[in-house]
Amino acid sequence: MTKPAASKRHLPTSPFKAPATPAPKHFAVGDQVTHDIYGLGRVIGIEEGIAALVDFGSAQMRILSPYAKMTKL
């Protein structure tokens, strides 16, 4: 088995800019969202900084932060 590649760290003495970290996404109860796997849904609960509970019609899913596959509509 092979190990996954480790992310490269930025050295303070590097002449290149450090990669920008994306801002965390914020969702509120009632927001309509879309998910790459589950499709359209509505946020029905929030665990601040941890997860969002989303109703996708056929199922309710707990989507963990950083919500990489979920976007607000």
PDB file of N, CA and C in Angstrom:
ATOM      1  N   MET A   1       0.834  -1.180   0.000  1.00  0.00           N
ATOM      2  CA  MET A   1       0.000   0.000   0.000  1.00  0.00           C
ATOM      3  C   MET A   1       0.877   1.242   0.000  1.00  0.00           C
ATOM      4  N   THR A   2       0.353   2.277  -0.570  1.00  0.00           N
ATOM      5  CA  THR A   2       1.086   3.542  -0.576  1.00  0.00           C
ATOM      6  C   THR A   2       0.327   4.561   0.265  1.00  0.00           C
ATOM      7  N   LYS A   3       1.061   5.444   0.872  1.00  0.00           N
ATOM      8  CA  LYS A   3       0.467   6.497   1.683  1.00  0.00           C
ATOM      9  C   LYS A   3       0.073   7.659   0.779  1.00  0.00           C
ATOM     10  N   PRO A   4      -1.010   8.375   1.123  1.00  0.00           N
ATOM     11  CA  PRO A   4      -1.359   9.562   0.329  1.00  0.00           C
ATOM     12  C   PRO A   4      -0.290  10.641   0.502  1.00  0.00           C
ATOM     13  N   ALA A   5      -0.116  11.426  -0.526  1.00  0.00           N
ATOM     14  CA  ALA A   5       0.895  12.480  -0.498  1.00  0.00           C
ATOM     15  C   ALA A   5       0.549  13.522   0.560  1.00  0.00           C
ATOM     16  N   ALA A   6       1.542  13.917   1.309  1.00  0.00           N
ATOM     17  CA  ALA A   6       1.347  14.952   2.335  1.00  0.00           C
ATOM     18  C   ALA A   6       1.285  16.317   1.668  1.00  0.00           C
ATOM     19  N   SER A   7       0.492  17.211   2.255  1.00  0.00           N
ATOM     20  CA  SER A   7       0.420  18.553   1.692  1.00  0.00           C
ATOM     21  C   SER A   7       1.736  19.280   1.962  1.00  0.00           C
ATOM     22  N   LYS A   8       2.134  20.090   1.017  1.00  0.00           N
ATOM     23  CA  LYS A   8       3.402  20.808   1.143  1.00  0.00           C
ATOM     24  C   LYS A   8       3.208  22.024   2.031  1.00  0.00           C
ATOM     25  N   ARG A   9       4.144  22.232   2.931  1.00  0.00           N
ATOM     26  CA  ARG A   9       4.051  23.385   3.806  1.00  0.00           C
ATOM     27  C   ARG A   9       4.794  24.566   3.192  1.00  0.00           C
ATOM     28  N   HIS A  10       4.412  25.747   3.596  1.00  0.00           N
ATOM     29  CA  HIS A  10       5.019  26.961   3.076  1.00  0.00           C
ATOM     30  C   HIS A  10       6.103  27.420   4.046  1.00  0.00           C
ATOM     31  N   LEU A  11       7.300  27.600   3.549  1.00  0.00           N
ATOM     32  CA  LEU A  11       8.400  28.060   4.388  1.00  0.00           C
ATOM     33  C   LEU A  11       8.366  29.587   4.497  1.00  0.00           C
ATOM     34  N   PRO A  12       8.625  30.133   5.681  1.00  0.00           N
ATOM     35  CA  PRO A  12       8.584  31.591   5.845  1.00  0.00           C
ATOM     36  C   PRO A  12       9.633  32.319   5.020  1.00  0.00           C
ATOM     37  N   THR A  13      10.703  31.642   4.641  1.00  0.00           N
ATOM     38  CA  THR A  13      11.763  32.276   3.855  1.00  0.00           C
ATOM     39  C   THR A  13      11.541  32.143   2.354  1.00  0.00           C
ATOM     40  N   SER A  14      10.432  31.525   1.950  1.00  0.00           N
ATOM     41  CA  SER A  14      10.155  31.311   0.533  1.00  0.00           C
ATOM     42  C   SER A  14       9.845  32.636  -0.165  1.00  0.00           C
ATOM     43  N   PRO A  15      10.353  32.820  -1.392  1.00  0.00           N
ATOM     44  CA  PRO A  15      10.037  34.041  -2.136  1.00  0.00           C
ATOM     45  C   PRO A  15       8.635  34.008  -2.752  1.00  0.00           C
ATOM     46  N   PHE A  16       7.963  32.873  -2.681  1.00  0.00           N
ATOM     47  CA  PHE A  16       6.630  32.724  -3.258  1.00  0.00           C
ATOM     48  C   PHE A  16       5.564  32.991  -2.208  1.00  0.00           C
ATOM     49  N   LYS A  17       4.393  33.432  -2.648  1.00  0.00           N
ATOM     50  CA  LYS A  17       3.288  33.712  -1.736  1.00  0.00           C
ATOM     51  C   LYS A  17       2.734  32.412  -1.161  1.00  0.00           C
ATOM     52  N   ALA A  18       2.278  32.495   0.067  1.00  0.00           N
ATOM     53  CA  ALA A  18       1.644  31.336   0.692  1.00  0.00           C
ATOM     54  C   ALA A  18       0.285  31.110   0.035  1.00  0.00           C
ATOM     55  N   PRO A  19      -0.135  29.858  -0.123  1.00  0.00           N
ATOM     56  CA  PRO A  19      -1.449  29.609  -0.722  1.00  0.00           C
ATOM     57  C   PRO A  19      -2.556  30.169   0.169  1.00  0.00           C
ATOM     58  N   ALA A  20      -3.542  30.762  -0.455  1.00  0.00           N
ATOM     59  CA  ALA A  20      -4.647  31.361   0.284  1.00  0.00           C
ATOM     60  C   ALA A  20      -5.555  30.263   0.818  1.00  0.00           C
ATOM     61  N   THR A  21      -5.960  30.384   2.067  1.00  0.00           N
ATOM     62  CA  THR A  21      -6.894  29.427   2.633  1.00  0.00           C
ATOM     63  C   THR A  21      -8.303  29.914   2.362  1.00  0.00           C
ATOM     64  N   PRO A  22      -9.182  29.050   1.856  1.00  0.00           N
ATOM     65  CA  PRO A  22     -10.543  29.491   1.558  1.00  0.00           C
ATOM     66  C   PRO A  22     -11.307  29.807   2.835  1.00  0.00           C
ATOM     67  N   ALA A  23     -12.162  30.813   2.752  1.00  0.00           N
ATOM     68  CA  ALA A  23     -12.977  31.197   3.906  1.00  0.00           C
ATOM     69  C   ALA A  23     -14.006  30.102   4.176  1.00  0.00           C
ATOM     70  N   PRO A  24     -14.268  29.792   5.432  1.00  0.00           N
ATOM     71  CA  PRO A  24     -15.259  28.756   5.730  1.00  0.00           C
ATOM     72  C   PRO A  24     -16.649  29.203   5.296  1.00  0.00           C
ATOM     73  N   LYS A  25     -17.439  28.254   4.824  1.00  0.00           N
ATOM     74  CA  LYS A  25     -18.796  28.566   4.382  1.00  0.00           C
ATOM     75  C   LYS A  25     -19.719  28.616   5.586  1.00  0.00           C
ATOM     76  N   HIS A  26     -20.660  29.550   5.563  1.00  0.00           N
ATOM     77  CA  HIS A  26     -21.619  29.685   6.649  1.00  0.00           C
ATOM     78  C   HIS A  26     -23.018  29.430   6.106  1.00  0.00           C
ATOM     79  N   PHE A  27     -23.746  28.566   6.773  1.00  0.00           N
ATOM     80  CA  PHE A  27     -25.106  28.254   6.393  1.00  0.00           C
ATOM     81  C   PHE A  27     -26.033  28.578   7.560  1.00  0.00           C
ATOM     82  N   ALA A  28     -27.271  28.910   7.259  1.00  0.00           N
ATOM     83  CA  ALA A  28     -28.271  29.212   8.283  1.00  0.00           C
ATOM     84  C   ALA A  28     -29.474  28.293   8.064  1.00  0.00           C
ATOM     85  N   VAL A  29     -30.246  28.098   9.114  1.00  0.00           N
ATOM     86  CA  VAL A  29     -31.449  27.275   9.009  1.00  0.00           C
ATOM     87  C   VAL A  29     -32.382  27.911   7.985  1.00  0.00           C
ATOM     88  N   GLY A  30     -32.867  27.104   7.053  1.00  0.00           N
ATOM     89  CA  GLY A  30     -33.760  27.590   6.005  1.00  0.00           C
ATOM     90  C   GLY A  30     -33.069  27.835   4.678  1.00  0.00           C
ATOM     91  N   ASP A  31     -31.745  27.842   4.651  1.00  0.00           N
ATOM     92  CA  ASP A  31     -31.016  28.050   3.396  1.00  0.00           C
ATOM     93  C   ASP A  31     -31.246  26.877   2.451  1.00  0.00           C
ATOM     94  N   GLN A  32     -31.455  27.185   1.181  1.00  0.00           N
ATOM     95  CA  GLN A  32     -31.565  26.138   0.172  1.00  0.00           C
ATOM     96  C   GLN A  32     -30.162  25.875  -0.354  1.00  0.00           C
ATOM     97  N   VAL A  33     -29.788  24.591  -0.431  1.00  0.00           N
ATOM     98  CA  VAL A  33     -28.434  24.213  -0.815  1.00  0.00           C
ATOM     99  C   VAL A  33     -28.478  23.119  -1.869  1.00  0.00           C
ATOM    100  N   THR A  34     -27.345  22.915  -2.511  1.00  0.00           N
ATOM    101  CA  THR A  34     -27.182  21.795  -3.418  1.00  0.00           C
ATOM    102  C   THR A  34     -25.916  21.051  -3.021  1.00  0.00           C
ATOM    103  N   HIS A  35     -25.968  19.735  -3.124  1.00  0.00           N
ATOM    104  CA  HIS A  35     -24.844  18.880  -2.753  1.00  0.00           C
ATOM    105  C   HIS A  35     -24.480  18.048  -3.969  1.00  0.00           C
ATOM    106  N   ASP A  36     -23.176  17.830  -4.185  1.00  0.00           N
ATOM    107  CA  ASP A  36     -22.707  17.102  -5.363  1.00  0.00           C
ATOM    108  C   ASP A  36     -23.256  15.678  -5.431  1.00  0.00           C
ATOM    109  N   ILE A  37     -23.516  15.050  -4.295  1.00  0.00           N
ATOM    110  CA  ILE A  37     -23.992  13.665  -4.288  1.00  0.00           C
ATOM    111  C   ILE A  37     -25.500  13.585  -4.058  1.00  0.00           C
ATOM    112  N   TYR A  38     -26.025  14.337  -3.073  1.00  0.00           N
ATOM    113  CA  TYR A  38     -27.417  14.206  -2.652  1.00  0.00           C
ATOM    114  C   TYR A  38     -28.388  15.116  -3.395  1.00  0.00           C
ATOM    115  N   GLY A  39     -27.916  16.147  -4.077  1.00  0.00           N
ATOM    116  CA  GLY A  39     -28.783  17.037  -4.844  1.00  0.00           C
ATOM    117  C   GLY A  39     -29.288  18.215  -4.040  1.00  0.00           C
ATOM    118  N   LEU A  40     -30.534  18.655  -4.351  1.00  0.00           N
ATOM    119  CA  LEU A  40     -31.122  19.830  -3.711  1.00  0.00           C
ATOM    120  C   LEU A  40     -31.640  19.498  -2.319  1.00  0.00           C
ATOM    121  N   GLY A  41     -31.476  20.463  -1.403  1.00  0.00           N
ATOM    122  CA  GLY A  41     -31.952  20.261  -0.047  1.00  0.00           C
ATOM    123  C   GLY A  41     -32.119  21.582   0.670  1.00  0.00           C
ATOM    124  N   ARG A  42     -32.603  21.495   1.918  1.00  0.00           N
ATOM    125  CA  ARG A  42     -32.804  22.679   2.752  1.00  0.00           C
ATOM    126  C   ARG A  42     -32.198  22.407   4.123  1.00  0.00           C
ATOM    127  N   VAL A  43     -31.440  23.398   4.635  1.00  0.00           N
ATOM    128  CA  VAL A  43     -30.794  23.265   5.938  1.00  0.00           C
ATOM    129  C   VAL A  43     -31.868  23.327   7.015  1.00  0.00           C
ATOM    130  N   ILE A  44     -31.887  22.303   7.892  1.00  0.00           N
ATOM    131  CA  ILE A  44     -32.893  22.274   8.964  1.00  0.00           C
ATOM    132  C   ILE A  44     -32.246  22.354  10.342  1.00  0.00           C
ATOM    133  N   GLY A  45     -30.914  22.320  10.391  1.00  0.00           N
ATOM    134  CA  GLY A  45     -30.238  22.431  11.677  1.00  0.00           C
ATOM    135  C   GLY A  45     -28.768  22.735  11.481  1.00  0.00           C
ATOM    136  N   ILE A  46     -28.167  23.399  12.460  1.00  0.00           N
ATOM    137  CA  ILE A  46     -26.752  23.769  12.397  1.00  0.00           C
ATOM    138  C   ILE A  46     -26.071  23.387  13.706  1.00  0.00           C
ATOM    139  N   GLU A  47     -24.932  22.743  13.600  1.00  0.00           N
ATOM    140  CA  GLU A  47     -24.030  22.544  14.726  1.00  0.00           C
ATOM    141  C   GLU A  47     -22.833  23.434  14.405  1.00  0.00           C
ATOM    142  N   GLU A  48     -22.771  24.600  15.021  1.00  0.00           N
ATOM    143  CA  GLU A  48     -21.828  25.656  14.649  1.00  0.00           C
ATOM    144  C   GLU A  48     -20.393  25.149  14.523  1.00  0.00           C
ATOM    145  N   GLY A  49     -19.846  25.269  13.310  1.00  0.00           N
ATOM    146  CA  GLY A  49     -18.465  24.888  13.042  1.00  0.00           C
ATOM    147  C   GLY A  49     -18.227  23.393  12.913  1.00  0.00           C
ATOM    148  N   ILE A  50     -19.281  22.580  13.094  1.00  0.00           N
ATOM    149  CA  ILE A  50     -19.089  21.127  13.057  1.00  0.00           C
ATOM    150  C   ILE A  50     -19.829  20.494  11.884  1.00  0.00           C
ATOM    151  N   ALA A  51     -21.131  20.746  11.793  1.00  0.00           N
ATOM    152  CA  ALA A  51     -21.937  20.078  10.771  1.00  0.00           C
ATOM    153  C   ALA A  51     -23.236  20.842  10.525  1.00  0.00           C
ATOM    154  N   ALA A  52     -23.892  20.469   9.424  1.00  0.00           N
ATOM    155  CA  ALA A  52     -25.212  21.007   9.090  1.00  0.00           C
ATOM    156  C   ALA A  52     -26.138  19.832   8.824  1.00  0.00           C
ATOM    157  N   LEU A  53     -27.344  19.879   9.346  1.00  0.00           N
ATOM    158  CA  LEU A  53     -28.346  18.860   9.094  1.00  0.00           C
ATOM    159  C   LEU A  53     -29.196  19.349   7.928  1.00  0.00           C
ATOM    160  N   VAL A  54     -29.231  18.563   6.859  1.00  0.00           N
ATOM    161  CA  VAL A  54     -29.888  18.986   5.629  1.00  0.00           C
ATOM    162  C   VAL A  54     -30.954  17.970   5.243  1.00  0.00           C
ATOM    163  N   ASP A  55     -32.145  18.466   4.886  1.00  0.00           N
ATOM    164  CA  ASP A  55     -33.241  17.620   4.416  1.00  0.00           C
ATOM    165  C   ASP A  55     -33.202  17.616   2.894  1.00  0.00           C
ATOM    166  N   PHE A  56     -32.939  16.442   2.314  1.00  0.00           N
ATOM    167  CA  PHE A  56     -32.869  16.311   0.860  1.00  0.00           C
ATOM    168  C   PHE A  56     -34.148  15.718   0.284  1.00  0.00           C
ATOM    169  N   GLY A  57     -35.227  15.709   1.051  1.00  0.00           N
ATOM    170  CA  GLY A  57     -36.500  15.167   0.586  1.00  0.00           C
ATOM    171  C   GLY A  57     -36.621  13.689   0.912  1.00  0.00           C
ATOM    172  N   SER A  58     -35.779  12.874   0.319  1.00  0.00           N
ATOM    173  CA  SER A  58     -35.843  11.436   0.569  1.00  0.00           C
ATOM    174  C   SER A  58     -35.056  11.026   1.805  1.00  0.00           C
ATOM    175  N   ALA A  59     -34.145  11.878   2.260  1.00  0.00           N
ATOM    176  CA  ALA A  59     -33.318  11.556   3.429  1.00  0.00           C
ATOM    177  C   ALA A  59     -32.824  12.836   4.089  1.00  0.00           C
ATOM    178  N   GLN A  60     -32.547  12.728   5.385  1.00  0.00           N
ATOM    179  CA  GLN A  60     -31.917  13.825   6.109  1.00  0.00           C
ATOM    180  C   GLN A  60     -30.480  13.414   6.371  1.00  0.00           C
ATOM    181  N   MET A  61     -29.537  14.268   5.984  1.00  0.00           N
ATOM    182  CA  MET A  61     -28.120  13.936   6.108  1.00  0.00           C
ATOM    183  C   MET A  61     -27.421  14.984   6.960  1.00  0.00           C
ATOM    184  N   ARG A  62     -26.438  14.531   7.711  1.00  0.00           N
ATOM    185  CA  ARG A  62     -25.585  15.416   8.513  1.00  0.00           C
ATOM    186  C   ARG A  62     -24.310  15.628   7.704  1.00  0.00           C
ATOM    187  N   ILE A  63     -24.121  16.820   7.165  1.00  0.00           N
ATOM    188  CA  ILE A  63     -22.977  17.157   6.329  1.00  0.00           C
ATOM    189  C   ILE A  63     -21.930  17.833   7.208  1.00  0.00           C
ATOM    190  N   LEU A  64     -20.736  17.260   7.253  1.00  0.00           N
ATOM    191  CA  LEU A  64     -19.675  17.774   8.110  1.00  0.00           C
ATOM    192  C   LEU A  64     -18.958  18.956   7.481  1.00  0.00           C
ATOM    193  N   SER A  65     -18.476  19.862   8.340  1.00  0.00           N
ATOM    194  CA  SER A  65     -17.677  20.997   7.903  1.00  0.00           C
ATOM    195  C   SER A  65     -16.369  20.458   7.353  1.00  0.00           C
ATOM    196  N   PRO A  66     -15.796  20.984   6.327  1.00  0.00           N
ATOM    197  CA  PRO A  66     -15.885  22.303   5.713  1.00  0.00           C
ATOM    198  C   PRO A  66     -16.842  22.395   4.530  1.00  0.00           C
ATOM    199  N   TYR A  67     -17.781  21.481   4.397  1.00  0.00           N
ATOM    200  CA  TYR A  67     -18.838  21.537   3.385  1.00  0.00           C
ATOM    201  C   TYR A  67     -18.270  21.636   1.965  1.00  0.00           C
ATOM    202  N   ALA A  68     -17.279  20.813   1.651  1.00  0.00           N
ATOM    203  CA  ALA A  68     -16.587  20.901   0.367  1.00  0.00           C
ATOM    204  C   ALA A  68     -17.527  20.657  -0.822  1.00  0.00           C
ATOM    205  N   LYS A  69     -18.508  19.772  -0.671  1.00  0.00           N
ATOM    206  CA  LYS A  69     -19.358  19.423  -1.800  1.00  0.00           C
ATOM    207  C   LYS A  69     -20.717  20.110  -1.754  1.00  0.00           C
ATOM    208  N   MET A  70     -20.911  21.066  -0.839  1.00  0.00           N
ATOM    209  CA  MET A  70     -22.210  21.712  -0.683  1.00  0.00           C
ATOM    210  C   MET A  70     -22.082  23.206  -0.940  1.00  0.00           C
ATOM    211  N   THR A  71     -23.041  23.744  -1.715  1.00  0.00           N
ATOM    212  CA  THR A  71     -23.042  25.175  -1.998  1.00  0.00           C
ATOM    213  C   THR A  71     -24.439  25.736  -1.730  1.00  0.00           C
ATOM    214  N   LYS A  72     -24.468  27.009  -1.357  1.00  0.00           N
ATOM    215  CA  LYS A  72     -25.714  27.719  -1.071  1.00  0.00           C
ATOM    216  C   LYS A  72     -26.305  28.241  -2.374  1.00  0.00           C
ATOM    217  N   LEU A  73     -27.615  28.135  -2.519  1.00  0.00           N
ATOM    218  CA  LEU A  73     -28.280  28.640  -3.728  1.00  0.00           C
ATOM    219  C   LEU A  73     -28.873  30.012  -3.475  1.00  0.00           C
TER     220      LEU A  73
END
